[in-house]
Amino acid sequence: MSDTDDGDLYFVQGLLGPMQNFVYLIGSKRTRECLIVDPAWDTDALLSVAAGDDMRVVGALVTHYHPDHVGGAMGAFAVPGGITDLLAKAPGPVHVNKLEADGLQKITGVSESDLVRHENDDIVALGDVSIRLLHTPGHTPGSQCFLVRDRLVAGDTLFIDGCGRVDLPGGNASQLTESLRRLAALPDHVMLCPGHDYGDVPTASIAEQRSSNGALVSALRSAPK
C-alpha cells in the first residue's frame, strides 16, 4: 500500500483478497483522520496501515453492498473482515447511498444506527479534504463513486478498460450506461481508481479511458443526439 503526496490529502490504494480488490484509505493529514473505502478481507491489515501512518480510522465509505467489498455473506459466498469487523475495532459512521443501505444491512447485519444514508452529490469532509459522493447505479441500484480532488474511486462501476457487470441482482444495463456517460464527462486529468485490479495498470486518467475503454466508448456513442 502506498500514499500519494497531495498536500493535506491522505490517499492510499492497497490490494487485498483473492478477488484482487483495491481498498482505499482517504483522509486528512492535518486532522490525522481517515475513512476506509470498502474494508473487506483483512480489517487488521487496513488498520495497521492507518496506524503506521499515524492516522485514525473514523468510519467507512461503501461503494456497493457486495460481500467482496463490505464483508458478510451472499448465499454460500462469504468474505472475512468487512464493515461489521471494522465497527467492532474502530467504530464510526458508514457512509452509503440511500438505495444501497438496505442491501448492506442484509448482507452484513450492520445496524441502522451505524449508517449514514446519502443522496447523490453529498459531501463528506475530513479537515480540508472534501469527498463528493456520486450516485452511479447500474452494477447495483445504489452504487456510488467518490470524487476527491483529482481522483475518482469508482468501485465496480468503472474499471481500467472495463466496467461492472449487470447480470447480478439489482443490475441494470441502461442505468450503468448512463452512469458511465456521467463519469466520462469528468475532467481529463481525473485519475480513475477502480475497485479491482483487472487492468494493466492500477490507475489511469479519464482522458485515457475515453479512448481505450470500450465500455465508455460504447456508452458515449449511444448517447441521445
Protein backbone atom coordinates (compact mmCIF):
# COMPACT_ATOMS: atom_id res chain seq x y z
CA MET A 1 0.00 0.00 0.00
CA SER A 2 1.27 3.46 -0.83
CA ASP A 3 0.24 7.03 -0.02
CA THR A 4 0.25 9.74 -2.66
CA ASP A 5 1.55 13.24 -1.89
CA ASP A 6 -1.15 15.88 -2.38
CA GLY A 7 -0.88 18.40 0.44
CA ASP A 8 -3.42 17.73 3.18
CA LEU A 9 -4.95 14.77 1.31
CA TYR A 10 -4.14 11.30 2.64
CA PHE A 11 -4.87 8.76 -0.09
CA VAL A 12 -3.76 5.13 -0.06
CA GLN A 13 -4.54 2.44 -2.62
CA GLY A 14 -4.00 -1.14 -1.46
CA LEU A 15 -4.65 -4.60 -2.90
CA LEU A 16 -6.36 -7.25 -0.76
CA GLY A 17 -8.05 -10.62 -1.13
CA PRO A 18 -8.24 -13.36 -3.74
CA MET A 19 -10.55 -11.28 -5.96
CA GLN A 20 -7.92 -8.56 -6.47
CA ASN A 21 -9.87 -5.90 -4.61
CA PHE A 22 -8.49 -2.40 -4.36
CA VAL A 23 -9.18 -0.90 -0.93
CA TYR A 24 -8.65 2.80 -0.27
CA LEU A 25 -7.91 4.96 2.74
CA ILE A 26 -8.90 8.61 2.29
CA GLY A 27 -8.43 11.34 4.85
CA SER A 28 -6.76 14.48 6.12
CA LYS A 29 -3.13 14.67 7.13
CA ARG A 30 -3.95 17.78 9.17
CA THR A 31 -6.57 16.12 11.37
CA ARG A 32 -4.92 12.66 11.11
CA GLU A 33 -8.32 11.09 10.39
CA CYS A 34 -9.30 8.80 7.53
CA LEU A 35 -12.13 6.68 6.14
CA ILE A 36 -11.72 3.23 4.60
CA VAL A 37 -13.43 2.57 1.26
CA ASP A 38 -14.88 -0.96 1.06
CA PRO A 39 -12.99 -2.51 4.03
CA ALA A 40 -13.31 -6.23 3.20
CA TRP A 41 -10.93 -9.20 3.58
CA ASP A 42 -8.43 -8.05 6.23
CA THR A 43 -9.51 -5.38 8.70
CA ASP A 44 -6.38 -5.70 10.83
CA ALA A 45 -4.13 -5.07 7.84
CA LEU A 46 -6.05 -1.91 6.94
CA LEU A 47 -6.00 -0.60 10.50
CA SER A 48 -2.28 -1.37 10.65
CA VAL A 49 -1.63 0.72 7.54
CA ALA A 50 -3.52 3.65 9.04
CA ALA A 51 -1.75 3.33 12.40
CA GLY A 52 1.63 3.10 10.68
CA ASP A 53 0.89 6.42 9.01
CA ASP A 54 -0.29 7.95 12.32
CA MET A 55 -3.86 8.09 11.02
CA ARG A 56 -7.03 7.29 12.95
CA VAL A 57 -9.84 5.43 11.15
CA VAL A 58 -13.12 7.24 11.84
CA GLY A 59 -15.55 5.39 9.57
CA ALA A 60 -16.12 3.81 6.19
CA LEU A 61 -17.27 4.67 2.69
CA VAL A 62 -19.23 2.00 0.81
CA THR A 63 -19.31 1.84 -2.99
CA HIS A 64 -21.87 -1.00 -3.01
CA TYR A 65 -23.08 -3.88 -0.87
CA HIS A 66 -21.44 -6.97 -2.46
CA PRO A 67 -19.52 -9.06 0.10
CA ASP A 68 -16.14 -8.80 -1.63
CA HIS A 69 -16.31 -5.07 -0.85
CA VAL A 70 -18.03 -4.94 2.55
CA GLY A 71 -17.72 -8.44 4.03
CA GLY A 72 -20.63 -10.57 5.12
CA ALA A 73 -22.34 -13.25 3.07
CA MET A 74 -24.49 -13.60 -0.01
CA GLY A 75 -25.77 -17.17 -0.16
CA ALA A 76 -22.78 -19.50 0.18
CA PHE A 77 -20.32 -16.72 -0.70
CA ALA A 78 -18.83 -15.27 2.50
CA VAL A 79 -15.99 -12.80 2.94
CA PRO A 80 -13.99 -12.11 6.13
CA GLY A 81 -13.33 -8.69 7.55
CA GLY A 82 -15.69 -6.04 6.32
CA ILE A 83 -17.96 -3.44 7.84
CA THR A 84 -19.03 -5.28 11.00
CA ASP A 85 -15.44 -6.24 11.85
CA LEU A 86 -14.30 -2.65 11.28
CA LEU A 87 -17.06 -1.27 13.51
CA ALA A 88 -16.05 -3.63 16.31
CA LYS A 89 -12.44 -2.42 16.16
CA ALA A 90 -12.80 1.21 15.05
CA PRO A 91 -16.39 2.45 15.47
CA GLY A 92 -17.57 5.21 13.16
CA PRO A 93 -20.28 6.10 10.65
CA VAL A 94 -20.72 4.03 7.50
CA HIS A 95 -21.48 6.26 4.52
CA VAL A 96 -23.73 4.51 1.99
CA ASN A 97 -26.12 5.59 -0.74
CA LYS A 98 -29.73 5.55 0.47
CA LEU A 99 -30.68 2.98 -2.19
CA GLU A 100 -27.90 0.62 -1.10
CA ALA A 101 -28.39 0.78 2.67
CA ASP A 102 -30.98 -1.99 2.95
CA GLY A 103 -28.82 -4.35 0.89
CA LEU A 104 -25.81 -3.53 3.06
CA GLN A 105 -27.77 -4.35 6.19
CA LYS A 106 -28.99 -7.65 4.73
CA ILE A 107 -25.52 -8.77 3.65
CA THR A 108 -23.54 -7.64 6.71
CA GLY A 109 -26.07 -7.35 9.54
CA VAL A 110 -24.89 -3.81 10.29
CA SER A 111 -27.22 -1.71 12.44
CA GLU A 112 -29.24 1.21 11.05
CA SER A 113 -27.71 3.42 13.76
CA ASP A 114 -24.27 2.89 12.21
CA LEU A 115 -25.35 4.08 8.75
CA VAL A 116 -25.45 7.50 7.14
CA ARG A 117 -27.77 7.28 4.13
CA HIS A 118 -26.62 9.66 1.39
CA GLU A 119 -28.06 11.37 -1.65
CA ASN A 120 -26.22 11.97 -4.93
CA ASP A 121 -23.67 14.82 -4.69
CA ASP A 122 -23.47 14.76 -0.89
CA ILE A 123 -20.12 15.80 0.57
CA VAL A 124 -18.21 14.04 3.35
CA ALA A 125 -15.41 16.23 4.75
CA LEU A 126 -12.36 15.46 6.86
CA GLY A 127 -10.27 18.53 7.62
CA ASP A 128 -9.72 20.37 4.34
CA VAL A 129 -10.46 17.22 2.31
CA SER A 130 -13.91 17.02 0.71
CA ILE A 131 -15.18 13.74 -0.74
CA ARG A 132 -18.03 14.08 -3.24
CA LEU A 133 -20.43 11.13 -3.42
CA LEU A 134 -21.65 10.37 -6.94
CA HIS A 135 -24.62 8.03 -7.30
CA THR A 136 -23.77 5.73 -10.23
CA PRO A 137 -26.42 2.99 -10.45
CA GLY A 138 -26.20 0.05 -12.80
CA HIS A 139 -23.96 -2.53 -11.13
CA THR A 140 -26.30 -2.23 -8.15
CA PRO A 141 -29.14 0.25 -7.52
CA GLY A 142 -27.18 2.32 -5.01
CA SER A 143 -23.64 2.04 -6.33
CA GLN A 144 -21.67 5.21 -5.71
CA CYS A 145 -18.26 6.60 -6.62
CA PHE A 146 -16.12 9.01 -4.61
CA LEU A 147 -14.52 12.06 -6.20
CA VAL A 148 -11.75 13.56 -4.10
CA ARG A 149 -9.71 16.28 -5.79
CA ASP A 150 -8.32 14.66 -8.96
CA ARG A 151 -9.12 11.06 -8.02
CA LEU A 152 -12.25 9.03 -8.74
CA VAL A 153 -12.71 5.93 -6.58
CA ALA A 154 -15.13 4.00 -8.77
CA GLY A 155 -15.87 0.69 -7.04
CA ASP A 156 -17.35 -1.75 -9.55
CA THR A 157 -18.92 0.92 -11.75
CA LEU A 158 -15.84 1.58 -13.88
CA PHE A 159 -12.62 -0.44 -14.23
CA ILE A 160 -9.46 0.12 -16.21
CA ASP A 161 -10.64 -0.77 -19.74
CA GLY A 162 -13.89 -2.27 -18.48
CA CYS A 163 -16.97 -1.75 -16.33
CA GLY A 164 -19.11 -3.56 -13.77
CA ARG A 165 -21.39 -6.45 -14.66
CA VAL A 166 -25.16 -6.06 -14.72
CA ASP A 167 -26.28 -9.69 -14.51
CA LEU A 168 -26.39 -9.85 -10.70
CA PRO A 169 -29.48 -8.96 -8.63
CA GLY A 170 -30.24 -5.26 -8.99
CA GLY A 171 -28.07 -4.81 -12.07
CA ASN A 172 -29.42 -2.56 -14.81
CA ALA A 173 -27.66 -2.09 -18.15
CA SER A 174 -29.35 1.17 -19.13
CA GLN A 175 -28.59 2.72 -15.74
CA LEU A 176 -24.96 1.66 -15.96
CA THR A 177 -24.66 3.17 -19.45
CA GLU A 178 -25.95 6.50 -18.14
CA SER A 179 -23.58 6.32 -15.15
CA LEU A 180 -20.64 5.68 -17.49
CA ARG A 181 -21.58 8.73 -19.56
CA ARG A 182 -21.59 10.82 -16.40
CA LEU A 183 -18.14 9.60 -15.40
CA ALA A 184 -16.80 10.10 -18.92
CA ALA A 185 -17.73 13.78 -18.61
CA LEU A 186 -15.31 14.32 -15.73
CA PRO A 187 -12.22 16.45 -16.48
CA ASP A 188 -9.43 14.81 -18.48
CA HIS A 189 -6.92 14.87 -15.62
CA VAL A 190 -9.09 12.98 -13.11
CA MET A 191 -7.50 9.64 -12.28
CA LEU A 192 -9.68 6.53 -12.24
CA CYS A 193 -9.07 4.38 -9.15
CA PRO A 194 -11.10 1.17 -9.68
CA GLY A 195 -12.46 -1.39 -7.23
CA HIS A 196 -10.50 -4.31 -8.69
CA ASP A 197 -7.08 -4.78 -10.23
CA TYR A 198 -8.40 -6.01 -13.58
CA GLY A 199 -6.30 -3.81 -15.87
CA ASP A 200 -2.71 -3.48 -16.99
CA VAL A 201 -2.23 -0.52 -14.62
CA PRO A 202 -3.76 0.31 -11.21
CA THR A 203 -4.94 3.79 -12.27
CA ALA A 204 -5.48 5.74 -15.48
CA SER A 205 -6.80 9.16 -16.44
CA ILE A 206 -10.37 9.70 -17.60
CA ALA A 207 -8.92 11.09 -20.84
CA GLU A 208 -7.06 7.83 -21.45
CA GLN A 209 -10.11 5.74 -20.62
CA ARG A 210 -12.35 7.68 -23.00
CA SER A 211 -10.25 6.34 -25.87
CA SER A 212 -9.17 2.90 -24.61
CA ASN A 213 -12.13 1.71 -22.52
CA GLY A 214 -14.67 0.01 -24.79
CA ALA A 215 -17.43 0.39 -22.20
CA LEU A 216 -17.00 4.16 -22.10
CA VAL A 217 -16.69 4.40 -25.87
CA SER A 218 -19.91 2.43 -26.32
CA ALA A 219 -21.77 4.47 -23.71
CA LEU A 220 -20.76 7.74 -25.36
CA ARG A 221 -21.66 6.52 -28.84
CA SER A 222 -25.14 5.52 -27.68
CA ALA A 223 -25.88 8.89 -26.07
CA PRO A 224 -29.12 10.52 -27.30
CA LYS A 225 -28.49 13.09 -30.02
